PDB file of N, CA and C in Angstrom:
ATOM      1  N   MET A   1     167.014-193.423  79.522  1.00  0.00           N
ATOM      2  CA  MET A   1     166.490-192.628  78.431  1.00  0.00           C
ATOM      3  C   MET A   1     167.569-192.229  77.432  1.00  0.00           C
ATOM      4  N   GLY A   2     168.818-192.399  77.753  1.00  0.00           N
ATOM      5  CA  GLY A   2     169.874-191.995  76.864  1.00  0.00           C
ATOM      6  C   GLY A   2     170.214-193.019  75.800  1.00  0.00           C
ATOM      7  N   ARG A   3     169.578-194.174  75.802  1.00  0.00           N
ATOM      8  CA  ARG A   3     169.930-195.206  74.829  1.00  0.00           C
ATOM      9  C   ARG A   3     169.105-195.077  73.559  1.00  0.00           C
ATOM     10  N   LYS A   4     169.624-195.648  72.479  1.00  0.00           N
ATOM     11  CA  LYS A   4     168.948-195.601  71.186  1.00  0.00           C
ATOM     12  C   LYS A   4     167.925-196.724  71.110  1.00  0.00           C
ATOM     13  N   PRO A   5     166.679-196.419  70.739  1.00  0.00           N
ATOM     14  CA  PRO A   5     165.675-197.473  70.591  1.00  0.00           C
ATOM     15  C   PRO A   5     166.096-198.489  69.538  1.00  0.00           C
ATOM     16  N   LYS A   6     165.815-199.752  69.784  1.00  0.00           N
ATOM     17  CA  LYS A   6     166.257-200.837  68.904  1.00  0.00           C
ATOM     18  C   LYS A   6     165.704-200.743  67.490  1.00  0.00           C
ATOM     19  N   LEU A   7     164.490-200.230  67.317  1.00  0.00           N
ATOM     20  CA  LEU A   7     163.844-200.278  66.009  1.00  0.00           C
ATOM     21  C   LEU A   7     164.207-199.126  65.088  1.00  0.00           C
ATOM     22  N   LEU A   8     164.936-198.122  65.569  1.00  0.00           N
ATOM     23  CA  LEU A   8     165.326-197.034  64.688  1.00  0.00           C
ATOM     24  C   LEU A   8     166.437-197.507  63.764  1.00  0.00           C
ATOM     25  N   THR A   9     166.442-197.003  62.529  1.00  0.00           N
ATOM     26  CA  THR A   9     167.343-197.546  61.520  1.00  0.00           C
ATOM     27  C   THR A   9     168.687-196.847  61.432  1.00  0.00           C
ATOM     28  N   GLY A  10     168.755-195.575  61.722  1.00  0.00           N
ATOM     29  CA  GLY A  10     170.003-194.851  61.513  1.00  0.00           C
ATOM     30  C   GLY A  10     170.389-194.012  62.712  1.00  0.00           C
ATOM     31  N   THR A  11     170.859-192.818  62.416  1.00  0.00           N
ATOM     32  CA  THR A  11     171.312-191.926  63.478  1.00  0.00           C
ATOM     33  C   THR A  11     170.288-190.824  63.717  1.00  0.00           C
ATOM     34  N   GLU A  12     169.020-191.174  63.746  1.00  0.00           N
ATOM     35  CA  GLU A  12     167.969-190.196  63.933  1.00  0.00           C
ATOM     36  C   GLU A  12     168.173-189.457  65.251  1.00  0.00           C
ATOM     37  N   LYS A  13     167.954-188.153  65.220  1.00  0.00           N
ATOM     38  CA  LYS A  13     168.066-187.363  66.435  1.00  0.00           C
ATOM     39  C   LYS A  13     166.665-187.057  66.933  1.00  0.00           C
ATOM     40  N   PHE A  14     166.451-187.268  68.207  1.00  0.00           N
ATOM     41  CA  PHE A  14     165.144-187.027  68.783  1.00  0.00           C
ATOM     42  C   PHE A  14     165.316-186.567  70.212  1.00  0.00           C
ATOM     43  N   ILE A  15     164.251-185.986  70.744  1.00  0.00           N
ATOM     44  CA  ILE A  15     164.241-185.651  72.159  1.00  0.00           C
ATOM     45  C   ILE A  15     163.162-186.487  72.822  1.00  0.00           C
ATOM     46  N   ILE A  16     163.341-186.751  74.081  1.00  0.00           N
ATOM     47  CA  ILE A  16     162.363-187.521  74.842  1.00  0.00           C
ATOM     48  C   ILE A  16     161.610-186.564  75.743  1.00  0.00           C
ATOM     49  N   SER A  17     160.298-186.696  75.767  1.00  0.00           N
ATOM     50  CA  SER A  17     159.465-185.813  76.562  1.00  0.00           C
ATOM     51  C   SER A  17     158.490-186.640  77.381  1.00  0.00           C
ATOM     52  N   LEU A  18     158.189-186.182  78.581  1.00  0.00           N
ATOM     53  CA  LEU A  18     157.239-186.874  79.445  1.00  0.00           C
ATOM     54  C   LEU A  18     155.847-186.295  79.272  1.00  0.00           C
ATOM     55  N   ALA A  19     154.838-187.126  79.426  1.00  0.00           N
ATOM     56  CA  ALA A  19     153.450-186.692  79.300  1.00  0.00           C
ATOM     57  C   ALA A  19     153.100-185.710  80.412  1.00  0.00           C
ATOM     58  N   ALA A  20     152.159-184.815  80.115  1.00  0.00           N
ATOM     59  CA  ALA A  20     151.759-183.799  81.081  1.00  0.00           C
ATOM     60  C   ALA A  20     150.937-184.389  82.222  1.00  0.00           C
ATOM     61  N   THR A  21     150.168-185.441  81.941  1.00  0.00           N
ATOM     62  CA  THR A  21     149.325-186.056  82.970  1.00  0.00           C
ATOM     63  C   THR A  21     149.470-187.570  82.909  1.00  0.00           C
ATOM     64  N   GLN A  22     149.072-188.237  83.974  1.00  0.00           N
ATOM     65  CA  GLN A  22     149.113-189.701  84.034  1.00  0.00           C
ATOM     66  C   GLN A  22     147.701-190.229  84.204  1.00  0.00           C
ATOM     67  N   GLU A  23     147.211-190.958  83.229  1.00  0.00           N
ATOM     68  CA  GLU A  23     145.915-191.618  83.323  1.00  0.00           C
ATOM     69  C   GLU A  23     146.074-192.821  84.238  1.00  0.00           C
ATOM     70  N   PRO A  24     145.259-192.944  85.294  1.00  0.00           N
ATOM     71  CA  PRO A  24     145.427-194.045  86.246  1.00  0.00           C
ATOM     72  C   PRO A  24     145.334-195.436  85.619  1.00  0.00           C
ATOM     73  N   ALA A  25     144.588-195.578  84.525  1.00  0.00           N
ATOM     74  CA  ALA A  25     144.402-196.893  83.916  1.00  0.00           C
ATOM     75  C   ALA A  25     145.562-197.294  83.008  1.00  0.00           C
ATOM     76  N   VAL A  26     146.493-196.388  82.741  1.00  0.00           N
ATOM     77  CA  VAL A  26     147.577-196.650  81.807  1.00  0.00           C
ATOM     78  C   VAL A  26     148.873-196.861  82.578  1.00  0.00           C
ATOM     79  N   LEU A  27     149.631-197.882  82.178  1.00  0.00           N
ATOM     80  CA  LEU A  27     150.928-198.128  82.796  1.00  0.00           C
ATOM     81  C   LEU A  27     151.887-196.970  82.521  1.00  0.00           C
ATOM     82  N   VAL A  28     152.826-196.777  83.397  1.00  0.00           N
ATOM     83  CA  VAL A  28     153.781-195.685  83.237  1.00  0.00           C
ATOM     84  C   VAL A  28     154.666-195.888  82.009  1.00  0.00           C
ATOM     85  N   VAL A  29     155.122-197.098  81.783  1.00  0.00           N
ATOM     86  CA  VAL A  29     156.007-197.361  80.648  1.00  0.00           C
ATOM     87  C   VAL A  29     155.240-198.160  79.610  1.00  0.00           C
ATOM     88  N   PRO A  30     155.250-197.804  78.345  1.00  0.00           N
ATOM     89  CA  PRO A  30     155.958-196.703  77.702  1.00  0.00           C
ATOM     90  C   PRO A  30     155.091-195.485  77.457  1.00  0.00           C
ATOM     91  N   TYR A  31     153.883-195.476  77.964  1.00  0.00           N
ATOM     92  CA  TYR A  31     152.912-194.466  77.560  1.00  0.00           C
ATOM     93  C   TYR A  31     153.161-193.068  78.100  1.00  0.00           C
ATOM     94  N   MET A  32     154.027-192.903  79.068  1.00  0.00           N
ATOM     95  CA  MET A  32     154.316-191.574  79.596  1.00  0.00           C
ATOM     96  C   MET A  32     155.451-190.887  78.844  1.00  0.00           C
ATOM     97  N   ILE A  33     156.057-191.571  77.884  1.00  0.00           N
ATOM     98  CA  ILE A  33     157.229-191.035  77.198  1.00  0.00           C
ATOM     99  C   ILE A  33     156.937-190.909  75.705  1.00  0.00           C
ATOM    100  N   ALA A  34     157.324-189.777  75.125  1.00  0.00           N
ATOM    101  CA  ALA A  34     157.196-189.576  73.679  1.00  0.00           C
ATOM    102  C   ALA A  34     158.565-189.270  73.099  1.00  0.00           C
ATOM    103  N   ARG A  35     158.827-189.775  71.910  1.00  0.00           N
ATOM    104  CA  ARG A  35     160.032-189.406  71.170  1.00  0.00           C
ATOM    105  C   ARG A  35     159.607-188.400  70.107  1.00  0.00           C
ATOM    106  N   VAL A  36     160.202-187.227  70.127  1.00  0.00           N
ATOM    107  CA  VAL A  36     159.877-186.181  69.167  1.00  0.00           C
ATOM    108  C   VAL A  36     161.075-186.023  68.239  1.00  0.00           C
ATOM    109  N   PHE A  37     160.847-186.276  66.956  1.00  0.00           N
ATOM    110  CA  PHE A  37     161.922-186.243  65.970  1.00  0.00           C
ATOM    111  C   PHE A  37     161.967-184.886  65.284  1.00  0.00           C
ATOM    112  N   HIS A  38     163.166-184.447  64.929  1.00  0.00           N
ATOM    113  CA  HIS A  38     163.355-183.178  64.238  1.00  0.00           C
ATOM    114  C   HIS A  38     163.271-183.330  62.725  1.00  0.00           C
ATOM    115  N   SER A  39     163.267-184.553  62.222  1.00  0.00           N
ATOM    116  CA  SER A  39     163.212-184.801  60.782  1.00  0.00           C
ATOM    117  C   SER A  39     162.534-186.147  60.541  1.00  0.00           C
ATOM    118  N   ASN A  40     162.439-186.548  59.279  1.00  0.00           N
ATOM    119  CA  ASN A  40     161.827-187.837  58.955  1.00  0.00           C
ATOM    120  C   ASN A  40     162.588-188.962  59.638  1.00  0.00           C
ATOM    121  N   PHE A  41     161.888-190.013  59.994  1.00  0.00           N
ATOM    122  CA  PHE A  41     162.525-191.155  60.639  1.00  0.00           C
ATOM    123  C   PHE A  41     161.830-192.424  60.195  1.00  0.00           C
ATOM    124  N   THR A  42     162.482-193.557  60.417  1.00  0.00           N
ATOM    125  CA  THR A  42     161.949-194.849  60.019  1.00  0.00           C
ATOM    126  C   THR A  42     162.160-195.853  61.127  1.00  0.00           C
ATOM    127  N   TYR A  43     161.136-196.614  61.414  1.00  0.00           N
ATOM    128  CA  TYR A  43     161.268-197.762  62.303  1.00  0.00           C
ATOM    129  C   TYR A  43     161.412-198.997  61.425  1.00  0.00           C
ATOM    130  N   SER A  44     162.313-199.872  61.767  1.00  0.00           N
ATOM    131  CA  SER A  44     162.518-201.102  61.018  1.00  0.00           C
ATOM    132  C   SER A  44     161.996-202.269  61.846  1.00  0.00           C
ATOM    133  N   LEU A  45     161.038-202.999  61.290  1.00  0.00           N
ATOM    134  CA  LEU A  45     160.454-204.154  61.966  1.00  0.00           C
ATOM    135  C   LEU A  45     160.791-205.403  61.165  1.00  0.00           C
ATOM    136  N   PRO A  46     161.835-206.117  61.532  1.00  0.00           N
ATOM    137  CA  PRO A  46     162.188-207.321  60.779  1.00  0.00           C
ATOM    138  C   PRO A  46     161.117-208.410  60.936  1.00  0.00           C
ATOM    139  N   ILE A  47     160.608-208.887  59.824  1.00  0.00           N
ATOM    140  CA  ILE A  47     159.575-209.920  59.818  1.00  0.00           C
ATOM    141  C   ILE A  47     160.202-211.206  59.285  1.00  0.00           C
ATOM    142  N   VAL A  48     160.067-212.297  60.041  1.00  0.00           N
ATOM    143  CA  VAL A  48     160.706-213.543  59.626  1.00  0.00           C
ATOM    144  C   VAL A  48     159.714-214.594  59.136  1.00  0.00           C
ATOM    145  N   SER A  49     158.459-214.461  59.419  1.00  0.00           N
ATOM    146  CA  SER A  49     157.477-215.440  58.946  1.00  0.00           C
ATOM    147  C   SER A  49     156.561-214.787  57.914  1.00  0.00           C
ATOM    148  N   ASP A  50     155.594-215.551  57.411  1.00  0.00           N
ATOM    149  CA  ASP A  50     154.703-215.038  56.375  1.00  0.00           C
ATOM    150  C   ASP A  50     153.754-213.960  56.877  1.00  0.00           C
ATOM    151  N   GLN A  51     153.238-214.106  58.092  1.00  0.00           N
ATOM    152  CA  GLN A  51     152.296-213.132  58.626  1.00  0.00           C
ATOM    153  C   GLN A  51     152.694-212.744  60.041  1.00  0.00           C
ATOM    154  N   GLU A  52     152.569-211.464  60.315  1.00  0.00           N
ATOM    155  CA  GLU A  52     152.817-210.942  61.654  1.00  0.00           C
ATOM    156  C   GLU A  52     151.715-209.942  61.969  1.00  0.00           C
ATOM    157  N   PHE A  53     151.351-209.854  63.222  1.00  0.00           N
ATOM    158  CA  PHE A  53     150.390-208.862  63.674  1.00  0.00           C
ATOM    159  C   PHE A  53     151.137-207.863  64.541  1.00  0.00           C
ATOM    160  N   VAL A  54     151.081-206.606  64.150  1.00  0.00           N
ATOM    161  CA  VAL A  54     151.762-205.556  64.902  1.00  0.00           C
ATOM    162  C   VAL A  54     150.712-204.590  65.415  1.00  0.00           C
ATOM    163  N   ARG A  55     150.720-204.342  66.701  1.00  0.00           N
ATOM    164  CA  ARG A  55     149.777-203.400  67.302  1.00  0.00           C
ATOM    165  C   ARG A  55     150.565-202.205  67.821  1.00  0.00           C
ATOM    166  N   LEU A  56     150.211-201.024  67.339  1.00  0.00           N
ATOM    167  CA  LEU A  56     150.858-199.798  67.787  1.00  0.00           C
ATOM    168  C   LEU A  56     149.900-199.039  68.697  1.00  0.00           C
ATOM    169  N   TYR A  57     150.402-198.597  69.812  1.00  0.00           N
ATOM    170  CA  TYR A  57     149.596-197.836  70.762  1.00  0.00           C
ATOM    171  C   TYR A  57     150.025-196.377  70.719  1.00  0.00           C
ATOM    172  N   PHE A  58     149.054-195.486  70.587  1.00  0.00           N
ATOM    173  CA  PHE A  58     149.319-194.058  70.655  1.00  0.00           C
ATOM    174  C   PHE A  58     148.467-193.498  71.781  1.00  0.00           C
ATOM    175  N   TYR A  59     149.118-193.036  72.793  1.00  0.00           N
ATOM    176  CA  TYR A  59     148.444-192.529  73.980  1.00  0.00           C
ATOM    177  C   TYR A  59     148.231-191.033  73.813  1.00  0.00           C
ATOM    178  N   THR A  60     146.983-190.599  73.765  1.00  0.00           N
ATOM    179  CA  THR A  60     146.667-189.197  73.574  1.00  0.00           C
ATOM    180  C   THR A  60     147.015-188.418  74.833  1.00  0.00           C
ATOM    181  N   ASN A  61     147.922-187.476  74.701  1.00  0.00           N
ATOM    182  CA  ASN A  61     148.338-186.640  75.813  1.00  0.00           C
ATOM    183  C   ASN A  61     149.120-185.475  75.245  1.00  0.00           C
ATOM    184  N   SER A  62     149.473-184.534  76.080  1.00  0.00           N
ATOM    185  CA  SER A  62     150.330-183.422  75.677  1.00  0.00           C
ATOM    186  C   SER A  62     151.736-183.697  76.169  1.00  0.00           C
ATOM    187  N   TYR A  63     152.714-183.453  75.317  1.00  0.00           N
ATOM    188  CA  TYR A  63     154.114-183.671  75.661  1.00  0.00           C
ATOM    189  C   TYR A  63     154.861-182.361  75.469  1.00  0.00           C
ATOM    190  N   LYS A  64     155.492-181.876  76.516  1.00  0.00           N
ATOM    191  CA  LYS A  64     156.270-180.642  76.415  1.00  0.00           C
ATOM    192  C   LYS A  64     157.663-180.967  75.897  1.00  0.00           C
ATOM    193  N   CYS A  65     158.100-180.213  74.912  1.00  0.00           N
ATOM    194  CA  CYS A  65     159.455-180.382  74.407  1.00  0.00           C
ATOM    195  C   CYS A  65     160.007-179.011  74.028  1.00  0.00           C
ATOM    196  N   GLN A  66     160.966-178.565  74.773  1.00  0.00           N
ATOM    197  CA  GLN A  66     161.593-177.260  74.602  1.00  0.00           C
ATOM    198  C   GLN A  66     160.524-176.177  74.565  1.00  0.00           C
ATOM    199  N   ASN A  67     160.321-175.504  73.437  1.00  0.00           N
ATOM    200  CA  ASN A  67     159.362-174.404  73.366  1.00  0.00           C
ATOM    201  C   ASN A  67     158.048-174.806  72.709  1.00  0.00           C
ATOM    202  N   ALA A  68     157.809-176.097  72.551  1.00  0.00           N
ATOM    203  CA  ALA A  68     156.603-176.552  71.864  1.00  0.00           C
ATOM    204  C   ALA A  68     155.849-177.544  72.733  1.00  0.00           C
ATOM    205  N   ILE A  69     154.578-177.671  72.459  1.00  0.00           N
ATOM    206  CA  ILE A  69     153.773-178.721  73.070  1.00  0.00           C
ATOM    207  C   ILE A  69     153.258-179.588  71.930  1.00  0.00           C
ATOM    208  N   VAL A  70     153.486-180.874  72.009  1.00  0.00           N
ATOM    209  CA  VAL A  70     153.114-181.804  70.948  1.00  0.00           C
ATOM    210  C   VAL A  70     151.869-182.563  71.368  1.00  0.00           C
ATOM    211  N   HIS A  71     150.860-182.523  70.526  1.00  0.00           N
ATOM    212  CA  HIS A  71     149.652-183.318  70.727  1.00  0.00           C
ATOM    213  C   HIS A  71     149.667-184.400  69.650  1.00  0.00           C
ATOM    214  N   PRO A  72     149.686-185.687  70.017  1.00  0.00           N
ATOM    215  CA  PRO A  72     149.862-186.751  69.029  1.00  0.00           C
ATOM    216  C   PRO A  72     148.859-186.762  67.886  1.00  0.00           C
ATOM    217  N   TYR A  73     147.663-186.241  68.069  1.00  0.00           N
ATOM    218  CA  TYR A  73     146.674-186.319  67.004  1.00  0.00           C
ATOM    219  C   TYR A  73     146.472-184.997  66.280  1.00  0.00           C
ATOM    220  N   ASP A  74     147.361-184.026  66.479  1.00  0.00           N
ATOM    221  CA  ASP A  74     147.299-182.811  65.682  1.00  0.00           C
ATOM    222  C   ASP A  74     147.565-183.168  64.228  1.00  0.00           C
ATOM    223  N   GLU A  75     146.925-182.447  63.311  1.00  0.00           N
ATOM    224  CA  GLU A  75     147.090-182.772  61.903  1.00  0.00           C
ATOM    225  C   GLU A  75     148.513-182.527  61.398  1.00  0.00           C
ATOM    226  N   MET A  76     149.311-181.725  62.086  1.00  0.00           N
ATOM    227  CA  MET A  76     150.667-181.460  61.616  1.00  0.00           C
ATOM    228  C   MET A  76     151.663-182.542  62.011  1.00  0.00           C
ATOM    229  N   TRP A  77     151.278-183.460  62.856  1.00  0.00           N
ATOM    230  CA  TRP A  77     152.174-184.532  63.289  1.00  0.00           C
ATOM    231  C   TRP A  77     151.689-185.844  62.704  1.00  0.00           C
ATOM    232  N   PHE A  78     152.560-186.564  62.038  1.00  0.00           N
ATOM    233  CA  PHE A  78     152.205-187.843  61.435  1.00  0.00           C
ATOM    234  C   PHE A  78     152.801-188.957  62.269  1.00  0.00           C
ATOM    235  N   LEU A  79     151.965-189.867  62.723  1.00  0.00           N
ATOM    236  CA  LEU A  79     152.430-190.986  63.544  1.00  0.00           C
ATOM    237  C   LEU A  79     152.231-192.284  62.802  1.00  0.00           C
TER     238      LEU A  79
END
């Protein structure tokens, strides 16, 4: 968990938080882990051909981080 994700572009600072519950139908990795950023961030997806299909998965759960609980679909969080 201490390594920098490959798709981040700069020196973004984030904390890693584990999900509060585990849905039996969902694999442990990566859906049990959330990255919570303290500021704006950018993922860089290098595209080499004319068309690419990218599927992003957002697993609805509560993630505890320090003194806050993050719900991925709250209107204050943009994913």
